[in-house]
C-alpha atoms as a PDB file:
ATOM      1  CA  MET A   1      78.278 185.161 125.618  1.00  0.00           C
ATOM      2  CA  THR A   2      74.504 184.747 125.471  1.00  0.00           C
ATOM      3  CA  LEU A   3      72.676 183.759 122.310  1.00  0.00           C
ATOM      4  CA  SER A   4      71.227 187.252 121.941  1.00  0.00           C
ATOM      5  CA  GLU A   5      74.707 188.811 122.234  1.00  0.00           C
ATOM      6  CA  LEU A   6      76.031 186.381 119.662  1.00  0.00           C
ATOM      7  CA  LYS A   7      73.222 187.178 117.242  1.00  0.00           C
ATOM      8  CA  ASN A   8      73.838 190.910 117.694  1.00  0.00           C
ATOM      9  CA  ILE A   9      77.470 190.480 116.664  1.00  0.00           C
ATOM     10  CA  TRP A  10      76.369 188.478 113.648  1.00  0.00           C
ATOM     11  CA  ARG A  11      73.852 191.123 112.574  1.00  0.00           C
ATOM     12  CA  GLU A  12      76.359 193.945 112.977  1.00  0.00           C
ATOM     13  CA  ASN A  13      78.894 192.097 110.833  1.00  0.00           C
ATOM     14  CA  ASN A  14      76.517 190.409 108.387  1.00  0.00           C
ATOM     15  CA  PHE A  15      77.798 187.006 109.516  1.00  0.00           C
ATOM     16  CA  ARG A  16      76.156 183.637 109.044  1.00  0.00           C
ATOM     17  CA  PRO A  17      77.545 180.356 110.431  1.00  0.00           C
ATOM     18  CA  GLN A  18      78.802 178.015 107.737  1.00  0.00           C
ATOM     19  CA  LYS A  19      77.594 174.450 107.873  1.00  0.00           C
ATOM     20  CA  ARG A  20      80.517 173.279 105.740  1.00  0.00           C
ATOM     21  CA  LEU A  21      82.873 174.377 108.539  1.00  0.00           C
ATOM     22  CA  GLY A  22      80.826 172.630 111.203  1.00  0.00           C
ATOM     23  CA  GLN A  23      80.150 175.890 113.008  1.00  0.00           C
ATOM     24  CA  ASN A  24      78.032 175.214 116.095  1.00  0.00           C
ATOM     25  CA  PHE A  25      78.842 177.773 118.788  1.00  0.00           C
ATOM     26  CA  LEU A  26      78.514 177.152 122.517  1.00  0.00           C
ATOM     27  CA  VAL A  27      75.913 179.484 124.050  1.00  0.00           C
ATOM     28  CA  ASP A  28      75.388 177.861 127.459  1.00  0.00           C
ATOM     29  CA  ASN A  29      77.474 179.716 130.038  1.00  0.00           C
ATOM     30  CA  ASN A  30      76.985 176.998 132.649  1.00  0.00           C
ATOM     31  CA  ILE A  31      78.554 174.469 130.296  1.00  0.00           C
ATOM     32  CA  ARG A  32      81.323 176.961 129.526  1.00  0.00           C
ATOM     33  CA  ASP A  33      82.101 177.310 133.231  1.00  0.00           C
ATOM     34  CA  ASN A  34      82.065 173.534 133.728  1.00  0.00           C
ATOM     35  CA  ILE A  35      84.492 173.067 130.843  1.00  0.00           C
ATOM     36  CA  LEU A  36      86.821 175.738 132.214  1.00  0.00           C
ATOM     37  CA  ALA A  37      86.732 174.074 135.630  1.00  0.00           C
ATOM     38  CA  GLY A  38      87.599 170.732 134.027  1.00  0.00           C
ATOM     39  CA  ILE A  39      90.740 171.959 132.240  1.00  0.00           C
ATOM     40  CA  SER A  40      93.890 171.695 134.331  1.00  0.00           C
ATOM     41  CA  LEU A  41      95.935 174.881 133.849  1.00  0.00           C
ATOM     42  CA  ASP A  42      98.218 177.155 135.827  1.00  0.00           C
ATOM     43  CA  THR A  43      99.722 180.591 135.306  1.00  0.00           C
ATOM     44  CA  GLN A  44     102.659 179.086 133.381  1.00  0.00           C
ATOM     45  CA  SER A  45     100.565 177.001 130.976  1.00  0.00           C
ATOM     46  CA  THR A  46     100.591 177.471 127.219  1.00  0.00           C
ATOM     47  CA  VAL A  47      97.263 176.703 125.542  1.00  0.00           C
ATOM     48  CA  VAL A  48      96.345 176.108 121.902  1.00  0.00           C
ATOM     49  CA  GLU A  49      92.616 176.539 121.272  1.00  0.00           C
ATOM     50  CA  ILE A  50      91.257 174.926 118.117  1.00  0.00           C
ATOM     51  CA  GLY A  51      88.431 177.021 116.695  1.00  0.00           C
ATOM     52  CA  SER A  52      88.331 180.016 119.014  1.00  0.00           C
ATOM     53  CA  GLY A  53      85.201 181.347 117.332  1.00  0.00           C
ATOM     54  CA  PHE A  54      83.694 184.313 119.148  1.00  0.00           C
ATOM     55  CA  GLY A  55      85.761 183.830 122.288  1.00  0.00           C
ATOM     56  CA  VAL A  56      83.196 182.033 124.430  1.00  0.00           C
ATOM     57  CA  MET A  57      85.994 179.849 125.863  1.00  0.00           C
ATOM     58  CA  THR A  58      88.973 181.972 124.850  1.00  0.00           C
ATOM     59  CA  PHE A  59      88.792 184.758 127.431  1.00  0.00           C
ATOM     60  CA  GLY A  60      88.220 182.335 130.298  1.00  0.00           C
ATOM     61  CA  LEU A  61      91.140 180.187 129.184  1.00  0.00           C
ATOM     62  CA  ALA A  62      93.410 183.215 128.812  1.00  0.00           C
ATOM     63  CA  ALA A  63      92.666 184.229 132.393  1.00  0.00           C
ATOM     64  CA  LYS A  64      94.042 180.888 133.610  1.00  0.00           C
ATOM     65  CA  CYS A  65      97.252 180.583 131.549  1.00  0.00           C
ATOM     66  CA  ARG A  66     100.433 182.379 130.524  1.00  0.00           C
ATOM     67  CA  LYS A  67      99.887 182.286 126.749  1.00  0.00           C
ATOM     68  CA  LEU A  68      96.986 181.285 124.531  1.00  0.00           C
ATOM     69  CA  TYR A  69      97.171 180.685 120.781  1.00  0.00           C
ATOM     70  CA  ALA A  70      93.683 181.018 119.295  1.00  0.00           C
ATOM     71  CA  ILE A  71      93.482 179.140 115.985  1.00  0.00           C
ATOM     72  CA  GLU A  72      90.500 180.076 113.831  1.00  0.00           C
ATOM     73  CA  LYS A  73      89.944 178.929 110.250  1.00  0.00           C
ATOM     74  CA  ASP A  74      87.183 181.423 109.405  1.00  0.00           C
ATOM     75  CA  ARG A  75      88.838 184.684 108.309  1.00  0.00           C
ATOM     76  CA  ASP A  76      85.637 186.660 108.843  1.00  0.00           C
ATOM     77  CA  ILE A  77      85.606 185.634 112.493  1.00  0.00           C
ATOM     78  CA  CYS A  78      89.288 186.535 112.789  1.00  0.00           C
ATOM     79  CA  ASN A  79      88.556 190.027 111.464  1.00  0.00           C
ATOM     80  CA  MET A  80      85.705 190.461 113.943  1.00  0.00           C
ATOM     81  CA  MET A  81      87.487 189.104 117.003  1.00  0.00           C
ATOM     82  CA  GLY A  82      91.045 190.271 116.325  1.00  0.00           C
ATOM     83  CA  PRO A  83      90.703 193.680 118.043  1.00  0.00           C
ATOM     84  CA  LEU A  84      89.016 192.150 121.103  1.00  0.00           C
ATOM     85  CA  PHE A  85      91.621 189.414 121.462  1.00  0.00           C
ATOM     86  CA  ARG A  86      94.469 191.896 121.118  1.00  0.00           C
ATOM     87  CA  GLU A  87      93.155 193.767 124.161  1.00  0.00           C
ATOM     88  CA  LYS A  88      94.202 190.723 126.172  1.00  0.00           C
ATOM     89  CA  GLY A  89      97.974 190.719 126.119  1.00  0.00           C
ATOM     90  CA  ASN A  90      98.372 186.950 126.269  1.00  0.00           C
ATOM     91  CA  ILE A  91      96.084 185.950 123.358  1.00  0.00           C
ATOM     92  CA  GLU A  92      97.572 185.508 119.900  1.00  0.00           C
ATOM     93  CA  LEU A  93      94.997 184.968 117.168  1.00  0.00           C
ATOM     94  CA  MET A  94      96.029 182.984 114.109  1.00  0.00           C
ATOM     95  CA  SER A  95      93.976 182.352 110.985  1.00  0.00           C
ATOM     96  CA  GLY A  96      94.503 178.807 109.796  1.00  0.00           C
ATOM     97  CA  ASP A  97      93.619 175.130 109.871  1.00  0.00           C
ATOM     98  CA  ILE A  98      95.139 173.286 112.831  1.00  0.00           C
ATOM     99  CA  ARG A  99      95.610 170.219 110.628  1.00  0.00           C
ATOM    100  CA  GLU A 100      98.084 172.199 108.523  1.00  0.00           C
ATOM    101  CA  LEU A 101      99.991 173.773 111.413  1.00  0.00           C
ATOM    102  CA  LYS A 102     102.841 172.328 113.439  1.00  0.00           C
ATOM    103  CA  ILE A 103     101.605 172.126 117.023  1.00  0.00           C
ATOM    104  CA  SER A 104     105.142 171.871 118.379  1.00  0.00           C
ATOM    105  CA  SER A 105     105.825 175.400 117.086  1.00  0.00           C
ATOM    106  CA  PHE A 106     103.545 176.746 119.841  1.00  0.00           C
ATOM    107  CA  ALA A 107     105.318 174.952 122.666  1.00  0.00           C
ATOM    108  CA  PRO A 108     107.585 177.063 124.900  1.00  0.00           C
ATOM    109  CA  SER A 109     111.262 176.173 125.016  1.00  0.00           C
ATOM    110  CA  GLY A 110     111.593 172.998 127.045  1.00  0.00           C
ATOM    111  CA  GLY A 111     107.868 172.901 127.721  1.00  0.00           C
ATOM    112  CA  LYS A 112     104.614 171.488 126.431  1.00  0.00           C
ATOM    113  CA  ILE A 113     101.181 172.799 125.540  1.00  0.00           C
ATOM    114  CA  THR A 114      97.607 172.030 126.532  1.00  0.00           C
ATOM    115  CA  LEU A 115      95.244 171.607 123.603  1.00  0.00           C
ATOM    116  CA  THR A 116      91.547 172.393 123.728  1.00  0.00           C
ATOM    117  CA  GLY A 117      88.684 173.006 121.333  1.00  0.00           C
ATOM    118  CA  ASN A 118      85.116 172.441 120.210  1.00  0.00           C
ATOM    119  CA  ILE A 119      85.858 170.096 117.317  1.00  0.00           C
ATOM    120  CA  PRO A 120      83.659 169.973 114.190  1.00  0.00           C
ATOM    121  CA  TYR A 121      82.353 166.449 113.872  1.00  0.00           C
ATOM    122  CA  TYR A 122      83.646 165.898 110.349  1.00  0.00           C
ATOM    123  CA  ILE A 123      87.299 166.447 111.292  1.00  0.00           C
ATOM    124  CA  THR A 124      87.381 164.713 114.697  1.00  0.00           C
ATOM    125  CA  THR A 125      89.461 161.765 113.496  1.00  0.00           C
ATOM    126  CA  PRO A 126      92.082 163.916 111.675  1.00  0.00           C
ATOM    127  CA  ILE A 127      92.381 166.121 114.774  1.00  0.00           C
ATOM    128  CA  ILE A 128      92.932 163.135 117.071  1.00  0.00           C
ATOM    129  CA  GLU A 129      95.477 161.716 114.623  1.00  0.00           C
ATOM    130  CA  LYS A 130      97.227 165.095 114.651  1.00  0.00           C
ATOM    131  CA  ILE A 131      97.323 165.046 118.456  1.00  0.00           C
ATOM    132  CA  VAL A 132      98.831 161.563 118.447  1.00  0.00           C
ATOM    133  CA  GLU A 133     101.404 162.493 115.803  1.00  0.00           C
ATOM    134  CA  GLU A 134     102.585 165.496 117.829  1.00  0.00           C
ATOM    135  CA  ARG A 135     102.015 164.031 121.281  1.00  0.00           C
ATOM    136  CA  GLU A 136     105.593 164.712 122.394  1.00  0.00           C
ATOM    137  CA  CYS A 137     104.782 168.423 122.820  1.00  0.00           C
ATOM    138  CA  ILE A 138     101.316 167.961 124.394  1.00  0.00           C
ATOM    139  CA  THR A 139     100.390 167.260 128.014  1.00  0.00           C
ATOM    140  CA  SER A 140      96.640 166.807 127.539  1.00  0.00           C
ATOM    141  CA  ALA A 141      93.899 167.561 125.039  1.00  0.00           C
ATOM    142  CA  TYR A 142      90.454 168.686 126.209  1.00  0.00           C
ATOM    143  CA  LEU A 143      87.923 168.357 123.417  1.00  0.00           C
ATOM    144  CA  VAL A 144      84.203 168.783 122.832  1.00  0.00           C
ATOM    145  CA  ILE A 145      83.267 166.081 120.338  1.00  0.00           C
ATOM    146  CA  GLN A 146      80.209 164.134 119.219  1.00  0.00           C
ATOM    147  CA  ASP A 147      78.916 162.030 122.136  1.00  0.00           C
ATOM    148  CA  GLU A 148      78.703 158.863 120.059  1.00  0.00           C
ATOM    149  CA  TYR A 149      82.308 159.323 118.972  1.00  0.00           C
ATOM    150  CA  ALA A 150      83.376 159.819 122.606  1.00  0.00           C
ATOM    151  CA  GLU A 151      81.736 156.504 123.502  1.00  0.00           C
ATOM    152  CA  ARG A 152      83.915 154.797 120.906  1.00  0.00           C
ATOM    153  CA  VAL A 153      87.069 156.492 122.173  1.00  0.00           C
ATOM    154  CA  VAL A 154      86.676 155.205 125.758  1.00  0.00           C
ATOM    155  CA  ALA A 155      85.033 151.826 125.016  1.00  0.00           C
ATOM    156  CA  PHE A 156      86.396 148.609 126.535  1.00  0.00           C
ATOM    157  CA  PRO A 157      86.511 145.077 125.056  1.00  0.00           C
ATOM    158  CA  GLY A 158      83.118 143.422 124.976  1.00  0.00           C
ATOM    159  CA  SER A 159      81.320 146.678 124.217  1.00  0.00           C
ATOM    160  CA  ARG A 160      79.573 147.282 120.908  1.00  0.00           C
ATOM    161  CA  ASP A 161      81.357 150.661 120.771  1.00  0.00           C
ATOM    162  CA  TYR A 162      84.815 149.088 121.115  1.00  0.00           C
ATOM    163  CA  GLY A 163      86.770 149.152 117.867  1.00  0.00           C
ATOM    164  CA  SER A 164      89.977 150.108 116.111  1.00  0.00           C
ATOM    165  CA  LEU A 165      89.492 153.753 117.167  1.00  0.00           C
ATOM    166  CA  SER A 166      89.346 152.693 120.829  1.00  0.00           C
ATOM    167  CA  CYS A 167      92.590 150.734 120.453  1.00  0.00           C
ATOM    168  CA  TYR A 168      94.357 153.550 118.636  1.00  0.00           C
ATOM    169  CA  VAL A 169      93.456 156.284 121.124  1.00  0.00           C
ATOM    170  CA  GLN A 170      94.012 154.101 124.191  1.00  0.00           C
ATOM    171  CA  PHE A 171      97.434 153.000 122.950  1.00  0.00           C
ATOM    172  CA  TYR A 172      98.751 156.563 123.102  1.00  0.00           C
ATOM    173  CA  THR A 173      96.486 158.313 125.628  1.00  0.00           C
ATOM    174  CA  LYS A 174      94.334 157.821 128.688  1.00  0.00           C
ATOM    175  CA  PRO A 175      90.892 159.000 127.558  1.00  0.00           C
ATOM    176  CA  ARG A 176      88.184 160.116 129.955  1.00  0.00           C
ATOM    177  CA  ARG A 177      84.611 161.167 129.396  1.00  0.00           C
ATOM    178  CA  VAL A 178      84.079 164.199 131.611  1.00  0.00           C
ATOM    179  CA  PHE A 179      80.439 165.033 130.907  1.00  0.00           C
ATOM    180  CA  LYS A 180      77.792 164.964 128.215  1.00  0.00           C
ATOM    181  CA  ILE A 181      76.598 168.208 126.603  1.00  0.00           C
ATOM    182  CA  SER A 182      73.102 168.630 125.197  1.00  0.00           C
ATOM    183  CA  LYS A 183      72.766 169.736 121.596  1.00  0.00           C
ATOM    184  CA  ASN A 184      70.614 172.565 122.979  1.00  0.00           C
ATOM    185  CA  SER A 185      73.777 174.163 124.383  1.00  0.00           C
ATOM    186  CA  PHE A 186      74.886 175.176 120.883  1.00  0.00           C
ATOM    187  CA  TYR A 187      73.711 177.514 118.163  1.00  0.00           C
ATOM    188  CA  PRO A 188      72.971 176.618 115.465  1.00  0.00           C
ATOM    189  CA  ARG A 189      71.791 173.474 117.211  1.00  0.00           C
ATOM    190  CA  PRO A 190      73.546 170.347 115.899  1.00  0.00           C
ATOM    191  CA  ALA A 191      71.677 167.122 115.232  1.00  0.00           C
ATOM    192  CA  VAL A 192      73.313 165.187 118.086  1.00  0.00           C
ATOM    193  CA  ASP A 193      74.604 165.656 121.625  1.00  0.00           C
ATOM    194  CA  SER A 194      78.259 166.306 122.383  1.00  0.00           C
ATOM    195  CA  CYS A 195      80.692 165.255 125.083  1.00  0.00           C
ATOM    196  CA  PHE A 196      83.580 166.953 126.854  1.00  0.00           C
ATOM    197  CA  ILE A 197      86.526 164.545 127.008  1.00  0.00           C
ATOM    198  CA  GLU A 198      90.106 164.598 128.263  1.00  0.00           C
ATOM    199  CA  LEU A 199      92.938 162.808 126.465  1.00  0.00           C
ATOM    200  CA  SER A 200      95.956 162.587 128.773  1.00  0.00           C
ATOM    201  CA  ILE A 201      99.071 161.812 126.736  1.00  0.00           C
ATOM    202  CA  LEU A 202     100.833 158.730 128.119  1.00  0.00           C
ATOM    203  CA  PRO A 203     104.605 158.907 128.711  1.00  0.00           C
ATOM    204  CA  ALA A 204     104.846 155.573 126.874  1.00  0.00           C
ATOM    205  CA  PRO A 205     102.303 153.466 124.956  1.00  0.00           C
ATOM    206  CA  SER A 206      99.832 151.649 127.193  1.00  0.00           C
ATOM    207  CA  VAL A 207     101.060 148.222 126.032  1.00  0.00           C
ATOM    208  CA  GLU A 208     104.445 146.981 124.871  1.00  0.00           C
ATOM    209  CA  VAL A 209     104.618 145.726 121.310  1.00  0.00           C
ATOM    210  CA  GLN A 210     107.538 145.028 118.996  1.00  0.00           C
ATOM    211  CA  ASN A 211     105.947 146.408 115.837  1.00  0.00           C
ATOM    212  CA  LYS A 212     102.999 148.754 116.354  1.00  0.00           C
ATOM    213  CA  ASP A 213     102.386 149.017 112.607  1.00  0.00           C
ATOM    214  CA  VAL A 214     101.810 145.271 112.344  1.00  0.00           C
ATOM    215  CA  MET A 215      99.616 145.376 115.455  1.00  0.00           C
ATOM    216  CA  PHE A 216      97.385 148.083 114.004  1.00  0.00           C
ATOM    217  CA  GLN A 217      97.173 146.237 110.686  1.00  0.00           C
ATOM    218  CA  ILE A 218      95.891 143.208 112.616  1.00  0.00           C
ATOM    219  CA  ILE A 219      93.434 145.362 114.566  1.00  0.00           C
ATOM    220  CA  HIS A 220      92.049 147.006 111.433  1.00  0.00           C
ATOM    221  CA  LYS A 221      91.741 143.665 109.668  1.00  0.00           C
ATOM    222  CA  ALA A 222      89.965 142.078 112.623  1.00  0.00           C
ATOM    223  CA  PHE A 223      87.453 144.923 112.911  1.00  0.00           C
ATOM    224  CA  SER A 224      86.883 145.185 109.163  1.00  0.00           C
ATOM    225  CA  GLN A 225      84.526 142.246 109.567  1.00  0.00           C
ATOM    226  CA  ARG A 226      83.716 142.561 113.238  1.00  0.00           C
ATOM    227  CA  ARG A 227      80.678 140.261 113.121  1.00  0.00           C
ATOM    228  CA  LYS A 228      82.850 137.373 111.974  1.00  0.00           C
ATOM    229  CA  GLN A 229      84.954 135.145 114.191  1.00  0.00           C
ATOM    230  CA  VAL A 230      88.456 136.576 114.419  1.00  0.00           C
ATOM    231  CA  LEU A 231      90.064 133.554 112.744  1.00  0.00           C
ATOM    232  CA  ASN A 232      87.846 133.983 109.687  1.00  0.00           C
ATOM    233  CA  SER A 233      88.531 137.714 109.535  1.00  0.00           C
ATOM    234  CA  LEU A 234      92.320 137.392 109.770  1.00  0.00           C
ATOM    235  CA  SER A 235      92.637 134.427 107.419  1.00  0.00           C
ATOM    236  CA  HIS A 236      90.590 136.045 104.656  1.00  0.00           C
ATOM    237  CA  GLY A 237      92.630 136.972 101.571  1.00  0.00           C
ATOM    238  CA  ARG A 238      96.007 135.749 102.872  1.00  0.00           C
ATOM    239  CA  PHE A 239      96.343 138.794 105.123  1.00  0.00           C
ATOM    240  CA  LEU A 240     100.039 139.612 105.738  1.00  0.00           C
ATOM    241  CA  SER A 241     100.746 136.691 103.361  1.00  0.00           C
ATOM    242  CA  LEU A 242      99.854 134.219 106.116  1.00  0.00           C
ATOM    243  CA  GLU A 243      97.723 131.112 105.686  1.00  0.00           C
ATOM    244  CA  ARG A 244      94.736 130.096 107.795  1.00  0.00           C
ATOM    245  CA  GLY A 245      96.886 127.566 109.619  1.00  0.00           C
ATOM    246  CA  ASP A 246      99.347 130.310 110.547  1.00  0.00           C
ATOM    247  CA  TRP A 247      96.589 132.393 112.107  1.00  0.00           C
ATOM    248  CA  GLU A 248      95.291 129.332 113.960  1.00  0.00           C
ATOM    249  CA  SER A 249      98.750 128.919 115.487  1.00  0.00           C
ATOM    250  CA  ILE A 250      99.063 132.629 116.336  1.00  0.00           C
ATOM    251  CA  LEU A 251      95.696 132.656 118.095  1.00  0.00           C
ATOM    252  CA  SER A 252      96.458 129.408 119.928  1.00  0.00           C
ATOM    253  CA  VAL A 253      99.827 130.606 121.249  1.00  0.00           C
ATOM    254  CA  SER A 254      98.215 133.940 122.192  1.00  0.00           C
ATOM    255  CA  GLY A 255      95.583 132.129 124.242  1.00  0.00           C
ATOM    256  CA  ILE A 256      92.768 133.579 122.130  1.00  0.00           C
ATOM    257  CA  GLY A 257      89.938 131.311 121.061  1.00  0.00           C
ATOM    258  CA  PRO A 258      89.439 131.301 117.263  1.00  0.00           C
ATOM    259  CA  SER A 259      85.701 131.824 117.709  1.00  0.00           C
ATOM    260  CA  LYS A 260      86.182 135.150 119.493  1.00  0.00           C
ATOM    261  CA  ARG A 261      85.218 138.320 117.668  1.00  0.00           C
ATOM    262  CA  ALA A 262      87.332 141.438 117.286  1.00  0.00           C
ATOM    263  CA  GLU A 263      85.398 143.346 119.942  1.00  0.00           C
ATOM    264  CA  ASP A 264      86.190 140.659 122.548  1.00  0.00           C
ATOM    265  CA  ILE A 265      89.973 141.028 122.238  1.00  0.00           C
ATOM    266  CA  SER A 266      91.895 143.511 124.368  1.00  0.00           C
ATOM    267  CA  LEU A 267      94.644 145.812 123.166  1.00  0.00           C
ATOM    268  CA  ALA A 268      97.158 143.752 125.168  1.00  0.00           C
ATOM    269  CA  ASP A 269      95.942 140.601 123.376  1.00  0.00           C
ATOM    270  CA  TYR A 270      96.359 142.287 119.987  1.00  0.00           C
ATOM    271  CA  ALA A 271      99.903 143.261 120.976  1.00  0.00           C
ATOM    272  CA  ARG A 272     100.646 139.661 121.943  1.00  0.00           C
ATOM    273  CA  MET A 273      99.232 138.391 118.641  1.00  0.00           C
ATOM    274  CA  SER A 274     101.370 140.899 116.778  1.00  0.00           C
ATOM    275  CA  ASP A 275     104.581 139.864 118.563  1.00  0.00           C
ATOM    276  CA  ILE A 276     103.946 136.183 117.841  1.00  0.00           C
ATOM    277  CA  ALA A 277     103.159 136.954 114.206  1.00  0.00           C
ATOM    278  CA  VAL A 278     106.349 139.022 113.855  1.00  0.00           C
ATOM    279  CA  ASN A 279     108.672 136.610 115.672  1.00  0.00           C
ATOM    280  CA  ASP A 280     107.357 133.273 114.463  1.00  0.00           C
ATOM    281  CA  PHE A 281     106.092 134.060 110.973  1.00  0.00           C
ATOM    282  CA  LEU A 282     106.819 137.469 109.473  1.00  0.00           C
ATOM    283  CA  SER A 283     110.501 137.436 110.464  1.00  0.00           C
ATOM    284  CA  ARG A 284     111.005 134.608 107.994  1.00  0.00           C
ATOM    285  CA  ARG A 285     109.976 136.768 105.106  1.00  0.00           C
ATOM    286  CA  GLU A 286     112.673 138.559 103.170  1.00  0.00           C
ATOM    287  CA  GLY A 287     113.297 142.091 104.428  1.00  0.00           C
ATOM    288  CA  LEU A 288     111.712 141.589 107.861  1.00  0.00           C
END
């Protein structure tokens, strides 16, 4: 759909994009085609599209899969696009917020779904958390997100973009930046560039850890003061009820220098720290 065609639909229906919903619609057909080419589907695939909007991606996706569930929060858009979507027998339009829906309800019996969508910047983290929570019914997620956010998702230790988000996403998925998308490819034009990424759900977490909750508590604590040395960050405020000397021992046994910073420590190292903390210290506490 060209920008002029999109504007014609808006004029005919007295529609204006709502900033509060993060509505920035893709109007670059070359980018659309590149995204479609980058999504792995076959004639038996089931797709859930987050924010189907005016169908710029929807019709192309539907042509490549068995069933497509188009989720759109804006009821006005649903009223406009409903008749057009119904003409395609394999598109089912639903008005709602994906964060409030159960993704597994869209999965075919004994099968999984592919998730895709142009994600409003302000709900990117809740959407990714939703994907992780319901990962058992998802093969992959293909998302258009803020480019800066994508950098954080795929960042490796030693990078300024590496943080707790990187660890969280990479624990459950294999993320991949596919290509960058200029802000000029959208209307209204957003303030920043976007990126098309793929999150392949891993069959098992990328690292083994005895207690992932403890590991992520350690990760969040370490990155809460990322400019500090990791020993100082973890020993501040008797975190996990452990003393500074305890954290010195945990880091020493883990083979991690106390002067390292959070961004220098790999996910595997955080898992090792967590296991040592659980086995040698936290297991002594009542109830653990």
